Amino acid sequence: MDLNELAEELQTADPDLPPAEAAFVKTVKAAHAQLTAGEIDRQEYQTRVRAASDQYRSAVDDGS
């Protein structure tokens, strides 16, 4: 499962996502849209998704 599928699954599984999950989904979808539109390259996309993933894990570890 790629990160876009994961983001989509998280969003559809629970419409009232906690803030950490909602931020992750929003970032992945925005980065994917920019990648598809040619506004960013694959490396920038991966950097943004990696940062969103790190922020998500940090928030979950902190109990957010």
N, C-alpha and C. Protein backbone atom coordinates (compact mmCIF):
# COMPACT_ATOMS: atom_id res chain seq x y z
N MET A 1 0.86 -1.18 0.00
CA MET A 1 0.00 0.00 0.00
C MET A 1 0.90 1.23 0.00
N ASP A 2 0.66 2.14 -0.92
CA ASP A 2 1.46 3.35 -0.93
C ASP A 2 0.84 4.39 0.01
N LEU A 3 1.54 5.48 0.21
CA LEU A 3 1.07 6.48 1.18
C LEU A 3 -0.21 7.16 0.76
N ASN A 4 -0.43 7.30 -0.54
CA ASN A 4 -1.70 7.89 -0.99
C ASN A 4 -2.87 6.99 -0.64
N GLU A 5 -2.69 5.69 -0.82
CA GLU A 5 -3.74 4.74 -0.46
C GLU A 5 -3.98 4.76 1.05
N LEU A 6 -2.90 4.83 1.82
CA LEU A 6 -3.02 4.89 3.27
C LEU A 6 -3.76 6.15 3.69
N ALA A 7 -3.41 7.27 3.12
CA ALA A 7 -4.09 8.53 3.44
C ALA A 7 -5.56 8.44 3.09
N GLU A 8 -5.87 7.87 1.94
CA GLU A 8 -7.26 7.73 1.52
C GLU A 8 -8.02 6.80 2.47
N GLU A 9 -7.38 5.70 2.85
CA GLU A 9 -8.02 4.76 3.76
C GLU A 9 -8.27 5.39 5.13
N LEU A 10 -7.31 6.12 5.64
CA LEU A 10 -7.50 6.80 6.92
C LEU A 10 -8.65 7.79 6.85
N GLN A 11 -8.72 8.52 5.77
CA GLN A 11 -9.75 9.53 5.64
C GLN A 11 -11.13 8.91 5.53
N THR A 12 -11.28 7.84 4.79
CA THR A 12 -12.59 7.24 4.60
C THR A 12 -13.00 6.37 5.77
N ALA A 13 -12.03 5.85 6.51
CA ALA A 13 -12.36 4.98 7.63
C ALA A 13 -12.98 5.75 8.79
N ASP A 14 -12.61 7.01 8.95
CA ASP A 14 -13.10 7.80 10.07
C ASP A 14 -13.18 9.26 9.65
N PRO A 15 -14.39 9.75 9.39
CA PRO A 15 -14.51 11.14 8.93
C PRO A 15 -14.10 12.17 9.98
N ASP A 16 -14.06 11.77 11.23
CA ASP A 16 -13.66 12.68 12.31
C ASP A 16 -12.28 12.31 12.82
N LEU A 17 -11.31 12.47 11.96
CA LEU A 17 -9.94 12.08 12.30
C LEU A 17 -9.37 12.96 13.40
N PRO A 18 -8.56 12.37 14.27
CA PRO A 18 -7.80 13.17 15.23
C PRO A 18 -6.86 14.12 14.48
N PRO A 19 -6.42 15.18 15.11
CA PRO A 19 -5.60 16.18 14.43
C PRO A 19 -4.35 15.63 13.75
N ALA A 20 -3.65 14.70 14.37
CA ALA A 20 -2.42 14.16 13.78
C ALA A 20 -2.70 13.44 12.47
N GLU A 21 -3.74 12.61 12.46
CA GLU A 21 -4.09 11.89 11.24
C GLU A 21 -4.59 12.83 10.17
N ALA A 22 -5.40 13.81 10.56
CA ALA A 22 -5.93 14.77 9.59
C ALA A 22 -4.80 15.56 8.94
N ALA A 23 -3.82 15.97 9.72
CA ALA A 23 -2.68 16.71 9.17
C ALA A 23 -1.88 15.85 8.19
N PHE A 24 -1.69 14.58 8.54
CA PHE A 24 -0.97 13.67 7.66
C PHE A 24 -1.71 13.52 6.32
N VAL A 25 -3.00 13.26 6.40
CA VAL A 25 -3.81 13.08 5.20
C VAL A 25 -3.76 14.34 4.34
N LYS A 26 -3.93 15.48 4.95
CA LYS A 26 -3.94 16.75 4.22
C LYS A 26 -2.61 16.97 3.50
N THR A 27 -1.51 16.72 4.19
CA THR A 27 -0.19 16.94 3.60
C THR A 27 0.07 15.98 2.45
N VAL A 28 -0.26 14.71 2.62
CA VAL A 28 -0.03 13.73 1.57
C VAL A 28 -0.87 14.05 0.34
N LYS A 29 -2.14 14.38 0.55
CA LYS A 29 -3.01 14.72 -0.59
C LYS A 29 -2.52 15.97 -1.32
N ALA A 30 -2.11 16.99 -0.57
CA ALA A 30 -1.62 18.21 -1.20
C ALA A 30 -0.34 17.95 -1.98
N ALA A 31 0.57 17.19 -1.40
CA ALA A 31 1.83 16.88 -2.09
C ALA A 31 1.56 16.04 -3.33
N HIS A 32 0.63 15.11 -3.24
CA HIS A 32 0.31 14.28 -4.41
C HIS A 32 -0.30 15.14 -5.52
N ALA A 33 -1.17 16.06 -5.16
CA ALA A 33 -1.77 16.95 -6.16
C ALA A 33 -0.69 17.79 -6.85
N GLN A 34 0.27 18.29 -6.06
CA GLN A 34 1.34 19.09 -6.65
C GLN A 34 2.24 18.24 -7.54
N LEU A 35 2.50 17.02 -7.12
CA LEU A 35 3.31 16.13 -7.94
C LEU A 35 2.61 15.83 -9.26
N THR A 36 1.33 15.52 -9.19
CA THR A 36 0.55 15.22 -10.39
C THR A 36 0.49 16.42 -11.34
N ALA A 37 0.42 17.62 -10.77
CA ALA A 37 0.36 18.84 -11.58
C ALA A 37 1.73 19.27 -12.10
N GLY A 38 2.78 18.58 -11.67
CA GLY A 38 4.12 18.93 -12.12
C GLY A 38 4.73 20.11 -11.38
N GLU A 39 4.13 20.49 -10.27
CA GLU A 39 4.63 21.63 -9.50
C GLU A 39 5.84 21.26 -8.64
N ILE A 40 5.93 19.98 -8.26
CA ILE A 40 7.08 19.49 -7.51
C ILE A 40 7.54 18.19 -8.15
N ASP A 41 8.79 17.82 -7.88
CA ASP A 41 9.29 16.55 -8.41
C ASP A 41 9.12 15.44 -7.37
N ARG A 42 9.44 14.23 -7.79
CA ARG A 42 9.25 13.05 -6.92
C ARG A 42 10.06 13.17 -5.64
N GLN A 43 11.26 13.71 -5.73
CA GLN A 43 12.10 13.85 -4.55
C GLN A 43 11.46 14.80 -3.53
N GLU A 44 10.93 15.92 -3.98
CA GLU A 44 10.26 16.87 -3.09
C GLU A 44 9.01 16.24 -2.49
N TYR A 45 8.28 15.48 -3.30
CA TYR A 45 7.09 14.78 -2.81
C TYR A 45 7.49 13.84 -1.66
N GLN A 46 8.51 13.04 -1.88
CA GLN A 46 8.95 12.09 -0.86
C GLN A 46 9.43 12.81 0.40
N THR A 47 10.09 13.94 0.22
CA THR A 47 10.55 14.72 1.37
C THR A 47 9.37 15.22 2.20
N ARG A 48 8.35 15.73 1.52
CA ARG A 48 7.17 16.23 2.23
C ARG A 48 6.41 15.12 2.93
N VAL A 49 6.27 13.99 2.27
CA VAL A 49 5.55 12.86 2.88
C VAL A 49 6.35 12.32 4.07
N ARG A 50 7.65 12.23 3.92
CA ARG A 50 8.50 11.76 5.02
C ARG A 50 8.37 12.69 6.23
N ALA A 51 8.38 14.00 5.99
CA ALA A 51 8.24 14.97 7.08
C ALA A 51 6.87 14.84 7.74
N ALA A 52 5.83 14.66 6.94
CA ALA A 52 4.47 14.49 7.49
C ALA A 52 4.40 13.21 8.32
N SER A 53 5.04 12.17 7.84
CA SER A 53 5.06 10.90 8.57
C SER A 53 5.79 11.06 9.91
N ASP A 54 6.92 11.74 9.89
CA ASP A 54 7.67 11.99 11.12
C ASP A 54 6.85 12.80 12.11
N GLN A 55 6.16 13.83 11.62
CA GLN A 55 5.32 14.65 12.49
C GLN A 55 4.17 13.82 13.06
N TYR A 56 3.58 12.99 12.24
CA TYR A 56 2.49 12.13 12.71
C TYR A 56 2.99 11.20 13.82
N ARG A 57 4.11 10.53 13.57
CA ARG A 57 4.65 9.61 14.58
C ARG A 57 5.00 10.33 15.86
N SER A 58 5.54 11.52 15.75
CA SER A 58 5.89 12.31 16.92
C SER A 58 4.64 12.67 17.72
N ALA A 59 3.59 13.07 17.02
CA ALA A 59 2.33 13.44 17.69
C ALA A 59 1.71 12.23 18.37
N VAL A 60 1.76 11.08 17.71
CA VAL A 60 1.18 9.86 18.29
C VAL A 60 2.00 9.44 19.51
N ASP A 61 3.33 9.54 19.41
CA ASP A 61 4.18 9.18 20.55
C ASP A 61 3.94 10.09 21.74
N ASP A 62 3.59 11.37 21.45
CA ASP A 62 3.32 12.34 22.51
C ASP A 62 1.91 12.21 23.07
N GLY A 63 1.11 11.35 22.44
CA GLY A 63 -0.25 11.14 22.90
C GLY A 63 -1.26 12.10 22.33
N SER A 64 -0.92 12.82 21.27
CA SER A 64 -1.84 13.77 20.65
C SER A 64 -2.89 13.07 19.83
